[in-house]
Amino acid sequence: MSNKIKHLQASSIEGISKILGDTGSGLSSSVISQYLIEMRIKDVDPAITKWRKLYHALINNQNITQCSNGILNFIKHAMTPTRYVNDISLFEHRRDELNKVLAFEGYQITEKGGLAKIENAMTIPEARAKANNLKTKLELRGAHNIIFLYCKEELLAENYFHSVLEATKSIFDRIRDISGIKEDGGKLIDSTLGGETPLLIINNFLTESEKSEHKGFSNLLKGLYGMFRNPTAHEVKIKWEINEDDALDIMSLVSYCHKRLDNIHKIR
């Protein structure tokens, strides 16, 4: 960066240092020392713990240079994608966590490991929304657009519980719109996809193989309703734990169902 960038807040530098120097998933002390040398940032306290060592070096560099260029360049250096070729999940984890802190300073780490300017976040939910963690991962999986229409606010807040609830509801709302039948759950599936002459079909419904596939899809939708729609609708959030991996898997399944519904048609 050729132009001098304004100071970062000390709290942001601390957050960055804790993420990159985290005991579990952060850089090792020797790697931190190596990167500081490579970026020509003085290691002012080489003997102390990892994140504090990094924090003191970065904030000292900002005080000396009167700008945050050194800090931002260190982040880019640490987040060079080629370092993560064999551990993409670690890259995404660090990127997500750093973006939540950097959002308050008006920056975001891109997929290429660079820095992009964004509008500053003012609140924690806004910073998490700007990181776009769950939404980005769903987009990378090629999730159906309808999921984003139903889950926009929940996704941006990374609210896994309500994201799954809204995503699952979207399937049954769509079947009601297509069929004109206003039931829900198993009754809706039986009325629209069930029987020997269903109202809606997902294929030509002529061969035994096609009929078996159709019946399997009907059972899949019933299973989705029973397993995810009912628990999320009737259990309080604290009693129905769901993490990001669970939400991604469930919503990928919901996306698959929507893609099959794209080709559904009425036969009566």
C-alpha atoms as a PDB file:
ATOM      1  CA  MET A   1       0.000   0.000   0.000  1.00  0.00           C
ATOM      2  CA  SER A   2       1.604   3.216  -1.154  1.00  0.00           C
ATOM      3  CA  ASN A   3      -0.725   5.672   0.569  1.00  0.00           C
ATOM      4  CA  LYS A   4      -0.703   5.948   4.315  1.00  0.00           C
ATOM      5  CA  ILE A   5      -3.825   4.424   5.844  1.00  0.00           C
ATOM      6  CA  LYS A   6      -5.374   5.870   8.993  1.00  0.00           C
ATOM      7  CA  HIS A   7      -4.719   4.322  12.393  1.00  0.00           C
ATOM      8  CA  LEU A   8      -6.597   1.181  13.376  1.00  0.00           C
ATOM      9  CA  GLN A   9      -8.208   1.154  16.797  1.00  0.00           C
ATOM     10  CA  ALA A  10      -6.145  -0.565  19.489  1.00  0.00           C
ATOM     11  CA  SER A  11      -9.107  -2.870  20.152  1.00  0.00           C
ATOM     12  CA  SER A  12      -9.103  -3.943  16.492  1.00  0.00           C
ATOM     13  CA  ILE A  13      -5.360  -4.629  16.561  1.00  0.00           C
ATOM     14  CA  GLU A  14      -5.899  -6.701  19.693  1.00  0.00           C
ATOM     15  CA  GLY A  15      -8.680  -8.670  17.998  1.00  0.00           C
ATOM     16  CA  ILE A  16      -6.533  -9.282  14.919  1.00  0.00           C
ATOM     17  CA  SER A  17      -3.622 -10.402  17.085  1.00  0.00           C
ATOM     18  CA  LYS A  18      -5.786 -12.816  19.061  1.00  0.00           C
ATOM     19  CA  ILE A  19      -7.141 -14.418  15.884  1.00  0.00           C
ATOM     20  CA  LEU A  20      -3.745 -14.819  14.224  1.00  0.00           C
ATOM     21  CA  GLY A  21      -2.073 -15.821  17.493  1.00  0.00           C
ATOM     22  CA  ASP A  22      -4.846 -18.079  18.766  1.00  0.00           C
ATOM     23  CA  THR A  23      -3.541 -21.153  20.601  1.00  0.00           C
ATOM     24  CA  GLY A  24      -5.807 -23.554  18.720  1.00  0.00           C
ATOM     25  CA  SER A  25      -5.903 -22.344  15.110  1.00  0.00           C
ATOM     26  CA  GLY A  26      -3.474 -19.436  14.986  1.00  0.00           C
ATOM     27  CA  LEU A  27       0.069 -19.020  13.716  1.00  0.00           C
ATOM     28  CA  SER A  28       2.888 -20.554  15.725  1.00  0.00           C
ATOM     29  CA  SER A  29       5.282 -18.254  17.611  1.00  0.00           C
ATOM     30  CA  SER A  30       8.102 -19.068  15.190  1.00  0.00           C
ATOM     31  CA  VAL A  31       5.879 -18.291  12.162  1.00  0.00           C
ATOM     32  CA  ILE A  32       4.797 -14.980  13.716  1.00  0.00           C
ATOM     33  CA  SER A  33       8.478 -14.085  14.206  1.00  0.00           C
ATOM     34  CA  GLN A  34       9.249 -15.119  10.626  1.00  0.00           C
ATOM     35  CA  TYR A  35       6.412 -13.019   9.172  1.00  0.00           C
ATOM     36  CA  LEU A  36       7.408 -10.000  11.261  1.00  0.00           C
ATOM     37  CA  ILE A  37      10.952 -10.229   9.866  1.00  0.00           C
ATOM     38  CA  GLU A  38       9.647 -10.639   6.305  1.00  0.00           C
ATOM     39  CA  MET A  39       7.402  -7.593   6.699  1.00  0.00           C
ATOM     40  CA  ARG A  40      10.184  -5.587   8.408  1.00  0.00           C
ATOM     41  CA  ILE A  41       8.168  -5.096  11.572  1.00  0.00           C
ATOM     42  CA  LYS A  42      10.198  -5.031  14.776  1.00  0.00           C
ATOM     43  CA  ASP A  43       9.502  -7.805  17.295  1.00  0.00           C
ATOM     44  CA  VAL A  44       9.575  -5.675  20.450  1.00  0.00           C
ATOM     45  CA  ASP A  45       8.671  -8.452  22.919  1.00  0.00           C
ATOM     46  CA  PRO A  46       9.899 -11.765  21.462  1.00  0.00           C
ATOM     47  CA  ALA A  47       9.644 -13.670  24.742  1.00  0.00           C
ATOM     48  CA  ILE A  48       5.941 -13.155  25.581  1.00  0.00           C
ATOM     49  CA  THR A  49       2.905 -15.190  24.495  1.00  0.00           C
ATOM     50  CA  LYS A  50       1.918 -15.335  20.832  1.00  0.00           C
ATOM     51  CA  TRP A  51      -0.958 -12.906  20.513  1.00  0.00           C
ATOM     52  CA  ARG A  52       0.587 -10.347  22.866  1.00  0.00           C
ATOM     53  CA  LYS A  53       3.895 -10.613  21.008  1.00  0.00           C
ATOM     54  CA  LEU A  54       2.061  -9.862  17.750  1.00  0.00           C
ATOM     55  CA  TYR A  55      -0.076  -7.105  19.289  1.00  0.00           C
ATOM     56  CA  HIS A  56       2.946  -5.246  20.701  1.00  0.00           C
ATOM     57  CA  ALA A  57       4.812  -5.525  17.386  1.00  0.00           C
ATOM     58  CA  LEU A  58       1.866  -4.291  15.299  1.00  0.00           C
ATOM     59  CA  ILE A  59       0.841  -1.413  17.543  1.00  0.00           C
ATOM     60  CA  ASN A  60       4.471  -0.330  17.906  1.00  0.00           C
ATOM     61  CA  ASN A  61       4.801  -0.291  14.124  1.00  0.00           C
ATOM     62  CA  GLN A  62       1.661   1.837  13.815  1.00  0.00           C
ATOM     63  CA  ASN A  63       2.953   4.302  16.422  1.00  0.00           C
ATOM     64  CA  ILE A  64       6.316   4.626  14.645  1.00  0.00           C
ATOM     65  CA  THR A  65       4.959   4.931  11.093  1.00  0.00           C
ATOM     66  CA  GLN A  66       1.835   6.866  12.097  1.00  0.00           C
ATOM     67  CA  CYS A  67      -0.274   4.676   9.818  1.00  0.00           C
ATOM     68  CA  SER A  68      -1.728   1.172   9.678  1.00  0.00           C
ATOM     69  CA  ASN A  69      -0.074   0.082   6.423  1.00  0.00           C
ATOM     70  CA  GLY A  70       2.263  -2.312   8.213  1.00  0.00           C
ATOM     71  CA  ILE A  71      -0.618  -4.005  10.032  1.00  0.00           C
ATOM     72  CA  LEU A  72      -2.743  -4.411   6.912  1.00  0.00           C
ATOM     73  CA  ASN A  73       0.224  -5.700   4.913  1.00  0.00           C
ATOM     74  CA  PHE A  74       1.007  -8.207   7.670  1.00  0.00           C
ATOM     75  CA  ILE A  75      -2.588  -9.501   7.484  1.00  0.00           C
ATOM     76  CA  LYS A  76      -2.351  -9.915   3.714  1.00  0.00           C
ATOM     77  CA  HIS A  77       1.005 -11.655   4.121  1.00  0.00           C
ATOM     78  CA  ALA A  78      -0.449 -14.092   6.667  1.00  0.00           C
ATOM     79  CA  MET A  79      -3.548 -14.695   4.517  1.00  0.00           C
ATOM     80  CA  THR A  80      -1.759 -15.396   1.213  1.00  0.00           C
ATOM     81  CA  PRO A  81      -3.919 -18.192  -0.269  1.00  0.00           C
ATOM     82  CA  THR A  82      -0.953 -20.328  -1.359  1.00  0.00           C
ATOM     83  CA  ARG A  83      -0.205 -20.940   2.323  1.00  0.00           C
ATOM     84  CA  TYR A  84      -3.565 -22.712   2.671  1.00  0.00           C
ATOM     85  CA  VAL A  85      -3.618 -24.960  -0.404  1.00  0.00           C
ATOM     86  CA  ASN A  86      -3.809 -28.056   1.818  1.00  0.00           C
ATOM     87  CA  ASP A  87      -6.123 -26.547   4.443  1.00  0.00           C
ATOM     88  CA  ILE A  88      -8.839 -24.433   2.830  1.00  0.00           C
ATOM     89  CA  SER A  89     -11.047 -24.678   5.923  1.00  0.00           C
ATOM     90  CA  LEU A  90      -8.345 -22.964   8.011  1.00  0.00           C
ATOM     91  CA  PHE A  91      -8.146 -20.133   5.470  1.00  0.00           C
ATOM     92  CA  GLU A  92     -11.931 -19.681   5.571  1.00  0.00           C
ATOM     93  CA  HIS A  93     -11.990 -19.825   9.378  1.00  0.00           C
ATOM     94  CA  ARG A  94      -9.305 -17.164   9.787  1.00  0.00           C
ATOM     95  CA  ARG A  95     -10.808 -15.050   7.015  1.00  0.00           C
ATOM     96  CA  ASP A  96     -14.269 -15.151   8.608  1.00  0.00           C
ATOM     97  CA  GLU A  97     -12.954 -14.230  12.055  1.00  0.00           C
ATOM     98  CA  LEU A  98     -10.677 -11.457  10.781  1.00  0.00           C
ATOM     99  CA  ASN A  99     -13.461  -9.991   8.640  1.00  0.00           C
ATOM    100  CA  LYS A 100     -15.684  -9.576  11.686  1.00  0.00           C
ATOM    101  CA  VAL A 101     -13.006  -7.398  13.302  1.00  0.00           C
ATOM    102  CA  LEU A 102     -11.922  -5.617  10.124  1.00  0.00           C
ATOM    103  CA  ALA A 103     -15.543  -4.692   9.329  1.00  0.00           C
ATOM    104  CA  PHE A 104     -15.366  -2.060  12.093  1.00  0.00           C
ATOM    105  CA  GLU A 105     -12.385  -0.510  10.279  1.00  0.00           C
ATOM    106  CA  GLY A 106     -14.005  -0.640   6.835  1.00  0.00           C
ATOM    107  CA  TYR A 107     -12.020  -3.538   5.389  1.00  0.00           C
ATOM    108  CA  GLN A 108     -12.659  -7.096   4.274  1.00  0.00           C
ATOM    109  CA  ILE A 109     -10.298  -9.908   3.262  1.00  0.00           C
ATOM    110  CA  THR A 110     -11.225 -11.218  -0.173  1.00  0.00           C
ATOM    111  CA  GLU A 111     -11.112 -14.810  -1.429  1.00  0.00           C
ATOM    112  CA  LYS A 112      -7.772 -13.953  -3.032  1.00  0.00           C
ATOM    113  CA  GLY A 113      -6.338 -12.874   0.319  1.00  0.00           C
ATOM    114  CA  GLY A 114      -6.355  -9.172  -0.573  1.00  0.00           C
ATOM    115  CA  LEU A 115      -8.091  -6.332   1.237  1.00  0.00           C
ATOM    116  CA  ALA A 116     -11.204  -4.584  -0.051  1.00  0.00           C
ATOM    117  CA  LYS A 117     -12.778  -1.403   1.278  1.00  0.00           C
ATOM    118  CA  ILE A 118     -16.310  -1.694   2.660  1.00  0.00           C
ATOM    119  CA  GLU A 119     -18.616   0.573   4.632  1.00  0.00           C
ATOM    120  CA  ASN A 120     -17.691   0.526   8.315  1.00  0.00           C
ATOM    121  CA  ALA A 121     -19.774  -1.662  10.586  1.00  0.00           C
ATOM    122  CA  MET A 122     -21.188   0.066  13.663  1.00  0.00           C
ATOM    123  CA  THR A 123     -22.605  -2.907  15.595  1.00  0.00           C
ATOM    124  CA  ILE A 124     -21.625  -6.541  16.217  1.00  0.00           C
ATOM    125  CA  PRO A 125     -24.569  -7.970  14.198  1.00  0.00           C
ATOM    126  CA  GLU A 126     -23.653  -5.639  11.336  1.00  0.00           C
ATOM    127  CA  ALA A 127     -20.009  -6.773  11.453  1.00  0.00           C
ATOM    128  CA  ARG A 128     -21.079 -10.413  11.388  1.00  0.00           C
ATOM    129  CA  ALA A 129     -23.418  -9.690   8.512  1.00  0.00           C
ATOM    130  CA  LYS A 130     -20.619  -8.054   6.519  1.00  0.00           C
ATOM    131  CA  ALA A 131     -18.477 -11.157   7.026  1.00  0.00           C
ATOM    132  CA  ASN A 132     -21.278 -13.051   5.223  1.00  0.00           C
ATOM    133  CA  ASN A 133     -20.018 -16.342   6.575  1.00  0.00           C
ATOM    134  CA  LEU A 134     -22.958 -18.700   6.103  1.00  0.00           C
ATOM    135  CA  LYS A 135     -24.313 -16.911   3.026  1.00  0.00           C
ATOM    136  CA  THR A 136     -20.951 -17.058   1.261  1.00  0.00           C
ATOM    137  CA  LYS A 137     -20.532 -20.759   1.953  1.00  0.00           C
ATOM    138  CA  LEU A 138     -24.016 -21.509   0.638  1.00  0.00           C
ATOM    139  CA  GLU A 139     -23.265 -19.527  -2.511  1.00  0.00           C
ATOM    140  CA  LEU A 140     -20.073 -21.542  -3.000  1.00  0.00           C
ATOM    141  CA  ARG A 141     -22.196 -24.698  -2.805  1.00  0.00           C
ATOM    142  CA  GLY A 142     -24.475 -23.331  -5.527  1.00  0.00           C
ATOM    143  CA  ALA A 143     -27.531 -23.117  -3.264  1.00  0.00           C
ATOM    144  CA  HIS A 144     -30.874 -22.370  -4.918  1.00  0.00           C
ATOM    145  CA  ASN A 145     -31.808 -18.672  -5.056  1.00  0.00           C
ATOM    146  CA  ILE A 146     -35.110 -19.267  -3.241  1.00  0.00           C
ATOM    147  CA  ILE A 147     -33.189 -20.059  -0.047  1.00  0.00           C
ATOM    148  CA  PHE A 148     -31.720 -16.541  -0.056  1.00  0.00           C
ATOM    149  CA  LEU A 149     -35.157 -15.005  -0.633  1.00  0.00           C
ATOM    150  CA  TYR A 150     -36.568 -16.748   2.438  1.00  0.00           C
ATOM    151  CA  CYS A 151     -33.526 -16.519   4.705  1.00  0.00           C
ATOM    152  CA  LYS A 152     -31.898 -13.180   3.924  1.00  0.00           C
ATOM    153  CA  GLU A 153     -32.073 -11.585   7.371  1.00  0.00           C
ATOM    154  CA  GLU A 154     -31.370 -14.810   9.248  1.00  0.00           C
ATOM    155  CA  LEU A 155     -28.427 -15.687   7.011  1.00  0.00           C
ATOM    156  CA  LEU A 156     -26.811 -12.291   7.399  1.00  0.00           C
ATOM    157  CA  ALA A 157     -27.071 -12.618  11.180  1.00  0.00           C
ATOM    158  CA  GLU A 158     -25.751 -16.198  10.998  1.00  0.00           C
ATOM    159  CA  ASN A 159     -28.821 -17.391  12.876  1.00  0.00           C
ATOM    160  CA  TYR A 160     -28.590 -21.097  12.089  1.00  0.00           C
ATOM    161  CA  PHE A 161     -31.752 -22.096  13.965  1.00  0.00           C
ATOM    162  CA  HIS A 162     -34.068 -19.745  12.101  1.00  0.00           C
ATOM    163  CA  SER A 163     -32.224 -20.175   8.804  1.00  0.00           C
ATOM    164  CA  VAL A 164     -33.066 -23.890   8.821  1.00  0.00           C
ATOM    165  CA  LEU A 165     -36.652 -23.146   9.836  1.00  0.00           C
ATOM    166  CA  GLU A 166     -37.217 -20.599   7.048  1.00  0.00           C
ATOM    167  CA  ALA A 167     -35.410 -22.690   4.434  1.00  0.00           C
ATOM    168  CA  THR A 168     -37.504 -25.774   5.190  1.00  0.00           C
ATOM    169  CA  LYS A 169     -40.739 -23.745   5.172  1.00  0.00           C
ATOM    170  CA  SER A 170     -39.826 -22.440   1.718  1.00  0.00           C
ATOM    171  CA  ILE A 171     -40.275 -25.903   0.143  1.00  0.00           C
ATOM    172  CA  PHE A 172     -43.829 -26.289   1.392  1.00  0.00           C
ATOM    173  CA  ASP A 173     -44.734 -22.699   0.552  1.00  0.00           C
ATOM    174  CA  ARG A 174     -43.561 -23.318  -2.992  1.00  0.00           C
ATOM    175  CA  ILE A 175     -45.564 -26.542  -3.346  1.00  0.00           C
ATOM    176  CA  ARG A 176     -48.675 -24.690  -2.111  1.00  0.00           C
ATOM    177  CA  ASP A 177     -48.081 -21.956  -4.700  1.00  0.00           C
ATOM    178  CA  ILE A 178     -47.636 -24.474  -7.519  1.00  0.00           C
ATOM    179  CA  SER A 179     -50.553 -26.720  -6.574  1.00  0.00           C
ATOM    180  CA  GLY A 180     -53.055 -24.277  -5.085  1.00  0.00           C
ATOM    181  CA  ILE A 181     -53.560 -26.678  -2.147  1.00  0.00           C
ATOM    182  CA  LYS A 182     -53.324 -24.968   1.241  1.00  0.00           C
ATOM    183  CA  GLU A 183     -52.334 -27.865   3.497  1.00  0.00           C
ATOM    184  CA  ASP A 184     -48.954 -28.436   5.166  1.00  0.00           C
ATOM    185  CA  GLY A 185     -46.479 -31.185   5.969  1.00  0.00           C
ATOM    186  CA  GLY A 186     -47.353 -34.790   5.183  1.00  0.00           C
ATOM    187  CA  LYS A 187     -50.926 -33.932   4.210  1.00  0.00           C
ATOM    188  CA  LEU A 188     -49.697 -31.466   1.604  1.00  0.00           C
ATOM    189  CA  ILE A 189     -47.250 -33.990   0.146  1.00  0.00           C
ATOM    190  CA  ASP A 190     -49.891 -36.739   0.018  1.00  0.00           C
ATOM    191  CA  SER A 191     -52.392 -34.402  -1.667  1.00  0.00           C
ATOM    192  CA  THR A 192     -49.963 -33.176  -4.307  1.00  0.00           C
ATOM    193  CA  LEU A 193     -47.350 -35.893  -4.868  1.00  0.00           C
ATOM    194  CA  GLY A 194     -49.004 -38.990  -3.433  1.00  0.00           C
ATOM    195  CA  GLY A 195     -51.103 -41.780  -4.893  1.00  0.00           C
ATOM    196  CA  GLU A 196     -51.178 -43.548  -8.261  1.00  0.00           C
ATOM    197  CA  THR A 197     -52.270 -40.384 -10.074  1.00  0.00           C
ATOM    198  CA  PRO A 198     -50.503 -37.509  -8.268  1.00  0.00           C
ATOM    199  CA  LEU A 199     -51.335 -33.897  -8.943  1.00  0.00           C
ATOM    200  CA  LEU A 200     -47.658 -32.971  -9.323  1.00  0.00           C
ATOM    201  CA  ILE A 201     -44.840 -35.091 -10.759  1.00  0.00           C
ATOM    202  CA  ILE A 202     -41.066 -34.555 -10.809  1.00  0.00           C
ATOM    203  CA  ASN A 203     -40.443 -36.745 -13.894  1.00  0.00           C
ATOM    204  CA  ASN A 204     -42.461 -38.446 -16.656  1.00  0.00           C
ATOM    205  CA  PHE A 205     -43.996 -40.813 -14.084  1.00  0.00           C
ATOM    206  CA  LEU A 206     -44.306 -43.635 -16.627  1.00  0.00           C
ATOM    207  CA  THR A 207     -41.777 -46.357 -15.811  1.00  0.00           C
ATOM    208  CA  GLU A 208     -41.450 -48.173 -12.494  1.00  0.00           C
ATOM    209  CA  SER A 209     -38.072 -46.492 -12.022  1.00  0.00           C
ATOM    210  CA  GLU A 210     -39.600 -43.035 -12.509  1.00  0.00           C
ATOM    211  CA  LYS A 211     -42.457 -43.835 -10.128  1.00  0.00           C
ATOM    212  CA  SER A 212     -39.978 -45.098  -7.515  1.00  0.00           C
ATOM    213  CA  GLU A 213     -37.924 -41.930  -7.854  1.00  0.00           C
ATOM    214  CA  HIS A 214     -41.060 -39.808  -7.480  1.00  0.00           C
ATOM    215  CA  LYS A 215     -42.160 -41.743  -4.385  1.00  0.00           C
ATOM    216  CA  GLY A 216     -38.666 -41.426  -2.893  1.00  0.00           C
ATOM    217  CA  PHE A 217     -38.749 -37.666  -3.386  1.00  0.00           C
ATOM    218  CA  SER A 218     -42.159 -37.510  -1.680  1.00  0.00           C
ATOM    219  CA  ASN A 219     -40.787 -39.449   1.299  1.00  0.00           C
ATOM    220  CA  LEU A 220     -37.735 -37.177   1.404  1.00  0.00           C
ATOM    221  CA  LEU A 221     -39.977 -34.107   1.710  1.00  0.00           C
ATOM    222  CA  LYS A 222     -42.004 -35.759   4.478  1.00  0.00           C
ATOM    223  CA  GLY A 223     -38.768 -36.606   6.264  1.00  0.00           C
ATOM    224  CA  LEU A 224     -37.532 -33.031   5.977  1.00  0.00           C
ATOM    225  CA  TYR A 225     -40.755 -31.735   7.465  1.00  0.00           C
ATOM    226  CA  GLY A 226     -40.727 -34.222  10.319  1.00  0.00           C
ATOM    227  CA  MET A 227     -37.055 -33.909  11.168  1.00  0.00           C
ATOM    228  CA  PHE A 228     -36.405 -30.186  10.717  1.00  0.00           C
ATOM    229  CA  ARG A 229     -39.632 -28.228  10.278  1.00  0.00           C
ATOM    230  CA  ASN A 230     -41.358 -29.625  13.375  1.00  0.00           C
ATOM    231  CA  PRO A 231     -38.407 -29.457  15.823  1.00  0.00           C
ATOM    232  CA  THR A 232     -37.432 -25.926  14.794  1.00  0.00           C
ATOM    233  CA  ALA A 233     -41.029 -24.691  14.879  1.00  0.00           C
ATOM    234  CA  HIS A 234     -41.941 -26.187  18.241  1.00  0.00           C
ATOM    235  CA  GLU A 235     -38.732 -26.249  20.265  1.00  0.00           C
ATOM    236  CA  VAL A 236     -37.270 -23.142  21.857  1.00  0.00           C
ATOM    237  CA  LYS A 237     -33.958 -22.212  20.274  1.00  0.00           C
ATOM    238  CA  ILE A 238     -31.828 -23.092  23.301  1.00  0.00           C
ATOM    239  CA  LYS A 239     -33.128 -26.693  23.306  1.00  0.00           C
ATOM    240  CA  TRP A 240     -32.460 -27.423  19.624  1.00  0.00           C
ATOM    241  CA  GLU A 241     -28.759 -26.963  19.057  1.00  0.00           C
ATOM    242  CA  ILE A 242     -27.546 -26.511  15.486  1.00  0.00           C
ATOM    243  CA  ASN A 243     -24.082 -25.497  14.313  1.00  0.00           C
ATOM    244  CA  GLU A 244     -22.866 -24.059  11.031  1.00  0.00           C
ATOM    245  CA  ASP A 245     -21.976 -27.434   9.489  1.00  0.00           C
ATOM    246  CA  ASP A 246     -25.448 -28.788  10.328  1.00  0.00           C
ATOM    247  CA  ALA A 247     -27.098 -25.695   8.829  1.00  0.00           C
ATOM    248  CA  LEU A 248     -25.034 -25.961   5.638  1.00  0.00           C
ATOM    249  CA  ASP A 249     -25.858 -29.649   5.187  1.00  0.00           C
ATOM    250  CA  ILE A 250     -29.582 -29.209   5.856  1.00  0.00           C
ATOM    251  CA  MET A 251     -29.863 -26.194   3.603  1.00  0.00           C
ATOM    252  CA  SER A 252     -27.940 -27.955   0.827  1.00  0.00           C
ATOM    253  CA  LEU A 253     -30.571 -30.691   1.008  1.00  0.00           C
ATOM    254  CA  VAL A 254     -33.330 -28.069   0.875  1.00  0.00           C
ATOM    255  CA  SER A 255     -31.568 -26.550  -2.143  1.00  0.00           C
ATOM    256  CA  TYR A 256     -31.572 -29.934  -3.902  1.00  0.00           C
ATOM    257  CA  CYS A 257     -35.312 -30.230  -3.301  1.00  0.00           C
ATOM    258  CA  HIS A 258     -35.908 -26.796  -4.817  1.00  0.00           C
ATOM    259  CA  LYS A 259     -33.868 -27.758  -7.871  1.00  0.00           C
ATOM    260  CA  ARG A 260     -36.134 -30.784  -8.366  1.00  0.00           C
ATOM    261  CA  LEU A 261     -39.187 -28.564  -7.927  1.00  0.00           C
ATOM    262  CA  ASP A 262     -37.869 -26.362 -10.762  1.00  0.00           C
ATOM    263  CA  ASN A 263     -38.949 -29.113 -13.166  1.00  0.00           C
ATOM    264  CA  ILE A 264     -42.166 -30.185 -11.446  1.00  0.00           C
ATOM    265  CA  HIS A 265     -45.410 -30.106 -13.428  1.00  0.00           C
ATOM    266  CA  LYS A 266     -49.077 -30.915 -13.080  1.00  0.00           C
ATOM    267  CA  ILE A 267     -50.660 -33.918 -14.771  1.00  0.00           C
ATOM    268  CA  ARG A 268     -54.239 -33.184 -13.699  1.00  0.00           C
END
